[in-house]
Amino acid sequence: MNTEVCPYPFAPSALAVDARYGQMREQQGMSRVRLPYGGEAWLATRYEDVRAVLVDRRLMRSLTVGKDAPRGTEAIESESSIITMDPPVHSRLRRLVAAAFTPKRVETLRPRIQEITDGLIDRMIEQGPPADLVSAFSIPLPITALCELLGVPQEDREKVHTWTDTMLMLSGDGSDHSAIMTAQRELWGYIAGLVAERRETPTDDLIGALVRARDDEGRLSEGELIDLSGGILAVGHETTANHISNLLYTLLTNPEQLARLRSDPGLMPSAVEELLRFVPLSASASFAHIASEDVEIGGQLIRKGEAVFADVDGANRDATVFACPEDLDLARPRNHHVGFGHGPHHCLGAQMARLELQVALGTLLARFPDLGLAVDAAEVPWLSARRQRGPERLELTWTEALPAQ
């Protein structure tokens, strides 16, 4: 077995999956890595190992809280964040918001998502090409939808995006860390103000529902209420915004698959699942799990107190699960990718993200029959020092634009 300890995370290169993940899967599956902060950890890259890490309750996220656990950023995790909680506390909070994100509930949002999408495209057409998809479309679509769901006023959405954008930086020095912490304090303070308003004037939005769960039913604390609302805002819209641009870029740079989708728009649900498998989003596996006792994963003994990371991008290229995993196949059958995670921390907003991606990509392709990149693909600028991958700008051009259906 290769016992070399590799520096991690690997530096992301646009939307490529680092070849070292494949080497790790083939050689040992569970590999030793050294994080920028907190020391060494195990890294799971095989599909079955990743799923095992994400469901094994002996591997706990809560044990990283307040400790110098291996991590990619300077910040130590907060104890009130749902992301670092384990069942049953995590399950209690998740149930409070799960009803807002069921497939049936999310599907009722389709007409409004379509309306927002068409409005943004209308403005792109009015301004004419070239247009930056990131600022004109990818950011405003999910932030508008999510802010409407939560009850954030329209006039506040730009500053909310500024805060969340800062929070998703990778802290590389003291100034970065200070900016991240300041942005989080400001966002949390803003949400506390919305909570106070809901107490004065009850509403039917998601924050209003959480306030009632707090005040009338005692089902969460004040800190949990604010952290839960802030976490949904911070992660929810930024993730979808980056992936709208990532997925469209991938289609535009894979002309055969793009032509296939244009000729058969009914492939869109399958296409989105395959793109979610194929296109990496996170710069690295984000959250450590600490073994509460000795655990064996993939034939490797994880000692009590050791940290484990599960890399979903590596798992999604596992040839034992996905035939020809390095190929983009928009009609791939039985696509059980782990792009939204797995187990208790499976992405709460997965159904909403799927809906927004399907509507966004489908409408862009339908209304711009000859949509293309305005610059060479190699010249597209990518975000750097970020927790998520995405283009900084994605300049598009077209010669024909169709009206909304």
Protein backbone atom coordinates (compact mmCIF):
# COMPACT_ATOMS: atom_id res chain seq x y z
CA MET A 1 0.00 0.00 0.00
CA ASN A 2 1.19 3.52 -0.83
CA THR A 3 1.73 5.29 2.51
CA GLU A 4 2.67 8.70 1.06
CA VAL A 5 0.80 11.59 2.67
CA CYS A 6 -0.38 14.00 -0.03
CA PRO A 7 -1.04 17.71 0.52
CA TYR A 8 -4.78 18.34 0.22
CA PRO A 9 -6.94 19.91 -1.15
CA PHE A 10 -5.57 19.65 -4.66
CA ALA A 11 -5.52 22.94 -6.56
CA PRO A 12 -8.65 22.89 -8.75
CA SER A 13 -8.17 23.52 -12.46
CA ALA A 14 -11.35 24.95 -13.99
CA LEU A 15 -13.80 22.02 -14.11
CA ALA A 16 -11.27 19.20 -14.38
CA VAL A 17 -11.15 16.37 -11.84
CA ASP A 18 -7.58 15.93 -10.63
CA ALA A 19 -5.97 12.72 -11.92
CA ARG A 20 -4.74 11.92 -8.41
CA TYR A 21 -8.27 10.92 -7.40
CA GLY A 22 -8.17 8.14 -9.97
CA GLN A 23 -4.76 7.01 -8.78
CA MET A 24 -6.00 6.90 -5.19
CA ARG A 25 -9.08 4.87 -6.13
CA GLU A 26 -7.01 2.34 -8.02
CA GLN A 27 -4.14 2.02 -5.55
CA GLN A 28 -5.66 2.11 -2.08
CA GLY A 29 -9.09 3.76 -1.93
CA MET A 30 -8.53 5.26 1.52
CA SER A 31 -5.55 7.61 1.32
CA ARG A 32 -3.66 9.77 3.80
CA VAL A 33 -3.73 13.52 3.16
CA ARG A 34 -2.39 16.58 4.94
CA LEU A 35 -4.72 19.57 5.28
CA PRO A 36 -3.61 23.24 5.45
CA TYR A 37 -4.97 23.41 9.00
CA GLY A 38 -5.31 20.75 11.70
CA GLY A 39 -2.99 18.05 10.39
CA GLU A 40 -3.60 14.75 8.60
CA ALA A 41 -6.76 12.83 7.69
CA TRP A 42 -8.06 9.93 5.62
CA LEU A 43 -9.58 10.66 2.20
CA ALA A 44 -12.20 8.35 0.68
CA THR A 45 -12.38 8.42 -3.13
CA ARG A 46 -14.12 5.15 -4.05
CA TYR A 47 -17.89 5.33 -4.49
CA GLU A 48 -18.78 2.72 -1.88
CA ASP A 49 -16.29 4.12 0.61
CA VAL A 50 -17.63 7.66 0.19
CA ARG A 51 -21.19 6.48 0.77
CA ALA A 52 -20.05 4.48 3.80
CA VAL A 53 -18.35 7.52 5.34
CA LEU A 54 -21.45 9.67 4.80
CA VAL A 55 -23.86 7.26 6.52
CA ASP A 56 -21.77 5.75 9.33
CA ARG A 57 -22.94 7.39 12.56
CA ARG A 58 -19.66 6.53 14.24
CA LEU A 59 -18.03 9.10 11.94
CA MET A 60 -19.27 12.36 13.39
CA ARG A 61 -19.15 15.94 12.13
CA SER A 62 -20.02 17.35 15.54
CA LEU A 63 -16.68 16.18 16.93
CA THR A 64 -14.92 18.80 14.76
CA VAL A 65 -16.70 21.69 16.50
CA GLY A 66 -14.39 23.99 18.43
CA LYS A 67 -11.39 21.76 17.78
CA ASP A 68 -8.31 22.05 15.62
CA ALA A 69 -9.55 19.26 13.36
CA PRO A 70 -8.11 18.81 9.86
CA ARG A 71 -9.72 21.36 7.55
CA GLY A 72 -9.06 23.37 4.42
CA THR A 73 -9.85 26.78 5.90
CA GLU A 74 -8.66 28.77 8.89
CA ALA A 75 -12.11 28.94 10.51
CA ILE A 76 -13.07 26.34 13.12
CA GLU A 77 -16.61 25.03 12.70
CA SER A 78 -19.55 26.54 14.60
CA GLU A 79 -21.48 24.35 17.03
CA SER A 80 -24.86 25.78 15.99
CA SER A 81 -24.51 25.05 12.26
CA ILE A 82 -26.70 22.24 10.93
CA ILE A 83 -23.79 21.24 8.69
CA THR A 84 -21.72 20.19 11.71
CA MET A 85 -24.53 18.48 13.62
CA ASP A 86 -25.20 14.75 13.82
CA PRO A 87 -28.46 12.88 14.37
CA PRO A 88 -30.65 13.17 16.36
CA VAL A 89 -30.08 16.96 16.72
CA HIS A 90 -29.45 17.30 12.99
CA SER A 91 -32.60 15.28 12.22
CA ARG A 92 -34.74 17.55 14.41
CA LEU A 93 -33.63 20.71 12.60
CA ARG A 94 -33.77 19.13 9.16
CA ARG A 95 -37.40 18.11 9.69
CA LEU A 96 -38.33 21.73 10.38
CA VAL A 97 -37.45 22.84 6.84
CA ALA A 98 -37.79 19.59 4.89
CA ALA A 99 -41.44 20.24 4.08
CA ALA A 100 -40.45 23.33 2.08
CA PHE A 101 -38.17 21.25 -0.18
CA THR A 102 -40.18 18.08 -0.91
CA PRO A 103 -40.48 17.18 -4.62
CA LYS A 104 -44.21 17.97 -4.55
CA ARG A 105 -43.73 21.35 -2.85
CA VAL A 106 -40.81 22.31 -5.08
CA GLU A 107 -42.75 21.42 -8.24
CA THR A 108 -45.36 24.04 -7.31
CA LEU A 109 -42.56 26.61 -7.68
CA ARG A 110 -41.93 25.72 -11.33
CA PRO A 111 -44.18 28.46 -12.82
CA ARG A 112 -42.48 31.13 -10.70
CA ILE A 113 -38.99 29.79 -11.53
CA GLN A 114 -39.94 29.88 -15.20
CA GLU A 115 -41.24 33.43 -14.85
CA ILE A 116 -38.01 34.61 -13.21
CA THR A 117 -35.96 32.80 -15.86
CA ASP A 118 -37.85 34.35 -18.76
CA GLY A 119 -37.61 37.81 -17.23
CA LEU A 120 -33.84 37.56 -16.87
CA ILE A 121 -33.46 36.28 -20.44
CA ASP A 122 -35.70 39.09 -21.72
CA ARG A 123 -33.29 41.59 -20.15
CA MET A 124 -30.31 39.81 -21.71
CA ILE A 125 -31.97 40.04 -25.12
CA GLU A 126 -32.85 43.69 -24.60
CA GLN A 127 -29.25 44.57 -23.74
CA GLY A 128 -27.92 42.44 -26.59
CA PRO A 129 -24.85 40.22 -26.91
CA PRO A 130 -22.35 39.64 -25.55
CA ALA A 131 -23.85 39.03 -22.12
CA ASP A 132 -22.18 37.81 -18.95
CA LEU A 133 -24.28 34.84 -17.87
CA VAL A 134 -22.92 34.95 -14.31
CA SER A 135 -24.07 38.47 -13.41
CA ALA A 136 -27.08 38.64 -15.74
CA PHE A 137 -28.60 35.24 -15.06
CA SER A 138 -26.78 32.62 -12.94
CA ILE A 139 -26.63 34.71 -9.76
CA PRO A 140 -30.02 36.49 -9.85
CA LEU A 141 -32.10 33.40 -10.68
CA PRO A 142 -31.39 31.27 -7.59
CA ILE A 143 -31.04 34.20 -5.21
CA THR A 144 -34.41 35.58 -6.30
CA ALA A 145 -36.09 32.18 -5.92
CA LEU A 146 -34.51 31.40 -2.56
CA CYS A 147 -35.04 34.88 -1.12
CA GLU A 148 -38.71 34.71 -2.10
CA LEU A 149 -39.00 31.35 -0.37
CA LEU A 150 -37.35 32.66 2.80
CA GLY A 151 -38.96 36.09 2.71
CA VAL A 152 -35.95 38.36 2.05
CA PRO A 153 -37.10 41.70 0.55
CA GLN A 154 -36.02 42.42 -3.01
CA GLU A 155 -34.10 45.55 -2.07
CA ASP A 156 -31.83 43.53 0.27
CA ARG A 157 -30.87 40.73 -2.09
CA GLU A 158 -27.74 42.32 -3.52
CA LYS A 159 -26.17 42.81 -0.09
CA VAL A 160 -27.19 39.28 0.90
CA HIS A 161 -25.30 37.99 -2.14
CA THR A 162 -22.26 40.11 -1.24
CA TRP A 163 -22.19 38.62 2.26
CA THR A 164 -22.59 35.02 1.10
CA ASP A 165 -20.04 35.50 -1.69
CA THR A 166 -17.46 36.60 0.88
CA MET A 167 -18.34 33.75 3.25
CA LEU A 168 -17.49 31.18 0.58
CA MET A 169 -13.92 32.39 0.15
CA LEU A 170 -11.10 30.11 1.18
CA SER A 171 -9.26 31.80 4.02
CA GLY A 172 -5.62 32.02 3.04
CA ASP A 173 -4.45 34.73 5.41
CA GLY A 174 -5.64 36.77 8.36
CA SER A 175 -7.33 39.44 6.24
CA ASP A 176 -9.39 36.84 4.37
CA HIS A 177 -10.46 35.23 7.62
CA SER A 178 -11.46 38.60 9.06
CA ALA A 179 -13.54 39.43 5.99
CA ILE A 180 -15.28 36.03 6.12
CA MET A 181 -16.13 36.40 9.81
CA THR A 182 -17.36 39.98 9.30
CA ALA A 183 -19.61 38.92 6.44
CA GLN A 184 -21.10 36.11 8.52
CA ARG A 185 -21.74 38.42 11.48
CA GLU A 186 -23.46 40.94 9.20
CA LEU A 187 -25.62 38.31 7.52
CA TRP A 188 -26.54 36.71 10.83
CA GLY A 189 -27.39 40.16 12.23
CA TYR A 190 -29.54 40.89 9.20
CA ILE A 191 -31.42 37.60 9.65
CA ALA A 192 -31.93 38.39 13.33
CA GLY A 193 -33.63 41.58 12.16
CA LEU A 194 -35.93 39.60 9.84
CA VAL A 195 -36.77 37.28 12.72
CA ALA A 196 -37.72 40.27 14.89
CA GLU A 197 -39.94 41.58 12.09
CA ARG A 198 -41.70 38.21 11.81
CA ARG A 199 -42.47 38.36 15.51
CA GLU A 200 -44.12 41.74 15.03
CA THR A 201 -45.85 40.80 11.78
CA PRO A 202 -46.16 37.02 11.14
CA THR A 203 -45.61 35.83 7.56
CA ASP A 204 -46.08 32.61 5.59
CA ASP A 205 -42.51 32.46 4.26
CA LEU A 206 -39.92 29.98 5.52
CA ILE A 207 -38.37 32.32 8.10
CA GLY A 208 -41.86 33.07 9.40
CA ALA A 209 -42.51 29.33 9.75
CA LEU A 210 -39.24 28.85 11.64
CA VAL A 211 -40.11 31.72 13.98
CA ARG A 212 -43.41 30.01 14.80
CA ALA A 213 -41.57 26.73 15.37
CA ARG A 214 -39.28 28.58 17.77
CA ASP A 215 -41.82 30.69 19.65
CA ASP A 216 -44.97 28.56 19.63
CA GLU A 217 -43.54 25.06 19.65
CA GLY A 218 -40.05 25.41 21.15
CA ARG A 219 -38.61 23.12 18.48
CA LEU A 220 -35.36 25.06 17.99
CA SER A 221 -33.28 27.66 19.77
CA GLU A 222 -32.82 31.27 18.67
CA GLY A 223 -29.27 30.53 17.56
CA GLU A 224 -30.39 27.49 15.59
CA LEU A 225 -33.12 29.54 13.91
CA ILE A 226 -30.66 32.18 12.72
CA ASP A 227 -27.93 29.70 11.74
CA LEU A 228 -30.40 27.54 9.83
CA SER A 229 -31.79 30.49 7.87
CA GLY A 230 -28.33 31.88 7.19
CA GLY A 231 -26.97 28.52 6.11
CA ILE A 232 -29.79 28.01 3.62
CA LEU A 233 -29.15 31.45 2.16
CA ALA A 234 -25.36 31.19 2.08
CA VAL A 235 -25.02 27.76 0.55
CA GLY A 236 -28.28 27.40 -1.37
CA HIS A 237 -28.15 30.16 -3.94
CA GLU A 238 -24.37 30.24 -4.43
CA THR A 239 -24.20 26.52 -5.22
CA THR A 240 -26.92 26.69 -7.87
CA ALA A 241 -25.55 29.94 -9.31
CA ASN A 242 -22.12 28.42 -9.88
CA HIS A 243 -23.56 25.24 -11.34
CA ILE A 244 -25.83 27.02 -13.83
CA SER A 245 -22.70 28.55 -15.34
CA ASN A 246 -20.63 25.38 -14.94
CA LEU A 247 -23.19 23.15 -16.60
CA LEU A 248 -23.86 25.51 -19.51
CA TYR A 249 -20.12 25.92 -20.09
CA THR A 250 -19.77 22.14 -20.15
CA LEU A 251 -22.56 21.81 -22.72
CA LEU A 252 -21.14 24.55 -24.93
CA THR A 253 -17.72 22.88 -24.88
CA ASN A 254 -19.17 19.44 -25.69
CA PRO A 255 -20.93 20.18 -29.00
CA GLU A 256 -21.96 16.59 -29.75
CA GLN A 257 -23.77 16.24 -26.43
CA LEU A 258 -25.26 19.73 -26.81
CA ALA A 259 -26.63 18.82 -30.24
CA ARG A 260 -28.07 15.62 -28.78
CA LEU A 261 -29.89 17.60 -26.09
CA ARG A 262 -31.17 20.19 -28.54
CA SER A 263 -32.58 17.45 -30.76
CA ASP A 264 -34.26 15.76 -27.78
CA PRO A 265 -35.23 18.30 -25.07
CA GLY A 266 -36.94 15.48 -23.18
CA LEU A 267 -33.43 14.39 -22.13
CA MET A 268 -33.11 17.44 -19.87
CA PRO A 269 -33.79 15.68 -16.52
CA SER A 270 -31.29 12.93 -17.40
CA ALA A 271 -28.85 15.52 -18.76
CA VAL A 272 -28.90 17.50 -15.51
CA GLU A 273 -28.18 14.36 -13.47
CA GLU A 274 -25.27 13.43 -15.72
CA LEU A 275 -23.88 16.97 -15.61
CA LEU A 276 -24.12 16.92 -11.81
CA ARG A 277 -22.11 13.68 -11.83
CA PHE A 278 -19.58 14.84 -14.38
CA VAL A 279 -18.94 18.45 -13.40
CA PRO A 280 -17.09 19.07 -10.10
CA LEU A 281 -18.37 21.90 -7.92
CA SER A 282 -16.46 21.93 -4.62
CA ALA A 283 -12.77 22.73 -4.55
CA SER A 284 -12.33 19.79 -2.17
CA ALA A 285 -14.15 17.52 0.23
CA SER A 286 -15.51 20.11 2.62
CA PHE A 287 -16.21 18.60 6.03
CA ALA A 288 -14.24 16.25 8.21
CA HIS A 289 -15.86 13.36 10.07
CA ILE A 290 -14.17 12.26 13.29
CA ALA A 291 -14.27 8.60 14.34
CA SER A 292 -15.97 8.23 17.72
CA GLU A 293 -14.58 4.68 17.90
CA ASP A 294 -12.49 2.42 15.70
CA VAL A 295 -14.20 2.03 12.29
CA GLU A 296 -13.26 0.02 9.21
CA ILE A 297 -13.97 1.65 5.82
CA GLY A 298 -12.92 0.02 2.56
CA GLY A 299 -10.67 -2.41 4.40
CA GLN A 300 -8.84 0.39 6.22
CA LEU A 301 -8.99 0.75 9.99
CA ILE A 302 -9.85 4.29 11.04
CA ARG A 303 -8.74 4.78 14.64
CA LYS A 304 -10.87 6.59 17.20
CA GLY A 305 -10.20 10.34 16.93
CA GLU A 306 -8.93 10.21 13.35
CA ALA A 307 -10.53 12.43 10.69
CA VAL A 308 -12.02 11.25 7.40
CA PHE A 309 -13.05 13.22 4.32
CA ALA A 310 -15.38 11.90 1.60
CA ASP A 311 -14.67 13.21 -1.89
CA VAL A 312 -17.82 13.04 -4.03
CA ASP A 313 -16.07 14.15 -7.22
CA GLY A 314 -13.71 11.23 -6.99
CA ALA A 315 -16.60 8.87 -6.23
CA ASN A 316 -18.55 10.12 -9.25
CA ARG A 317 -15.72 8.97 -11.55
CA ASP A 318 -15.55 5.44 -10.10
CA ALA A 319 -15.48 2.99 -13.02
CA THR A 320 -16.87 0.17 -10.88
CA VAL A 321 -20.15 2.12 -10.70
CA PHE A 322 -20.24 4.31 -13.83
CA ALA A 323 -19.41 2.87 -17.24
CA CYS A 324 -16.84 5.05 -19.03
CA PRO A 325 -16.90 7.59 -16.18
CA GLU A 326 -14.68 10.10 -17.97
CA ASP A 327 -17.25 10.41 -20.77
CA LEU A 328 -20.18 12.81 -20.66
CA ASP A 329 -23.31 10.81 -21.54
CA LEU A 330 -26.51 12.86 -21.18
CA ALA A 331 -28.65 9.72 -21.48
CA ARG A 332 -26.70 7.73 -18.89
CA PRO A 333 -29.03 5.14 -17.28
CA ARG A 334 -29.24 4.48 -13.53
CA ASN A 335 -27.20 7.52 -12.65
CA HIS A 336 -26.91 7.22 -8.86
CA HIS A 337 -24.31 9.97 -8.48
CA VAL A 338 -23.43 11.52 -5.13
CA GLY A 339 -23.28 15.09 -6.38
CA PHE A 340 -25.78 16.09 -3.69
CA GLY A 341 -24.07 14.00 -1.03
CA HIS A 342 -25.58 10.97 0.66
CA GLY A 343 -27.11 10.00 3.97
CA PRO A 344 -28.24 12.39 6.71
CA HIS A 345 -26.49 15.37 5.11
CA HIS A 346 -27.84 14.78 1.60
CA CYS A 347 -28.43 18.27 0.20
CA LEU A 348 -31.69 19.61 1.61
CA GLY A 349 -32.28 21.78 -1.46
CA ALA A 350 -31.47 19.10 -4.04
CA GLN A 351 -34.96 19.10 -5.56
CA MET A 352 -35.02 22.88 -5.85
CA ALA A 353 -31.56 22.89 -7.43
CA ARG A 354 -32.65 20.25 -9.94
CA LEU A 355 -35.72 22.29 -10.87
CA GLU A 356 -33.76 25.51 -11.31
CA LEU A 357 -31.06 23.80 -13.38
CA GLN A 358 -33.61 22.09 -15.63
CA VAL A 359 -35.58 25.28 -16.20
CA ALA A 360 -32.48 27.46 -16.60
CA LEU A 361 -30.66 25.24 -19.09
CA GLY A 362 -33.80 24.25 -20.98
CA THR A 363 -34.94 27.84 -21.41
CA LEU A 364 -31.53 29.18 -22.40
CA LEU A 365 -31.18 26.54 -25.11
CA ALA A 366 -34.75 26.99 -26.32
CA ARG A 367 -34.62 30.77 -26.55
CA PHE A 368 -31.10 31.01 -28.01
CA PRO A 369 -30.88 28.43 -30.84
CA ASP A 370 -27.27 29.37 -31.63
CA LEU A 371 -25.98 30.26 -28.17
CA GLY A 372 -22.20 30.15 -27.87
CA LEU A 373 -19.20 31.41 -25.95
CA ALA A 374 -18.13 34.95 -26.84
CA VAL A 375 -14.49 34.07 -26.10
CA ASP A 376 -12.37 31.00 -26.58
CA ALA A 377 -13.08 28.42 -23.87
CA ALA A 378 -9.47 28.67 -22.68
CA GLU A 379 -9.96 32.39 -22.02
CA VAL A 380 -12.90 32.01 -19.63
CA PRO A 381 -11.77 33.37 -16.21
CA TRP A 382 -12.39 31.09 -13.24
CA LEU A 383 -12.93 31.95 -9.61
CA SER A 384 -9.89 31.42 -7.41
CA ALA A 385 -9.47 30.83 -3.66
CA ARG A 386 -13.09 29.72 -3.42
CA ARG A 387 -14.83 26.79 -1.78
CA GLN A 388 -16.79 26.25 -4.99
CA ARG A 389 -15.75 26.24 -8.62
CA GLY A 390 -17.31 28.45 -11.23
CA PRO A 391 -16.49 31.01 -13.89
CA GLU A 392 -15.90 34.56 -12.74
CA ARG A 393 -17.56 35.64 -15.97
CA LEU A 394 -19.11 33.64 -18.79
CA GLU A 395 -19.54 35.85 -21.84
CA LEU A 396 -22.16 34.51 -24.26
CA THR A 397 -23.19 35.52 -27.73
CA TRP A 398 -26.05 34.73 -30.11
CA THR A 399 -27.54 35.91 -33.39
CA GLU A 400 -31.11 34.67 -32.86
CA ALA A 401 -33.32 35.01 -29.80
CA LEU A 402 -36.85 33.65 -29.45
CA PRO A 403 -39.68 34.99 -27.27
CA ALA A 404 -40.83 33.20 -24.15
CA GLN A 405 -43.33 30.39 -24.75
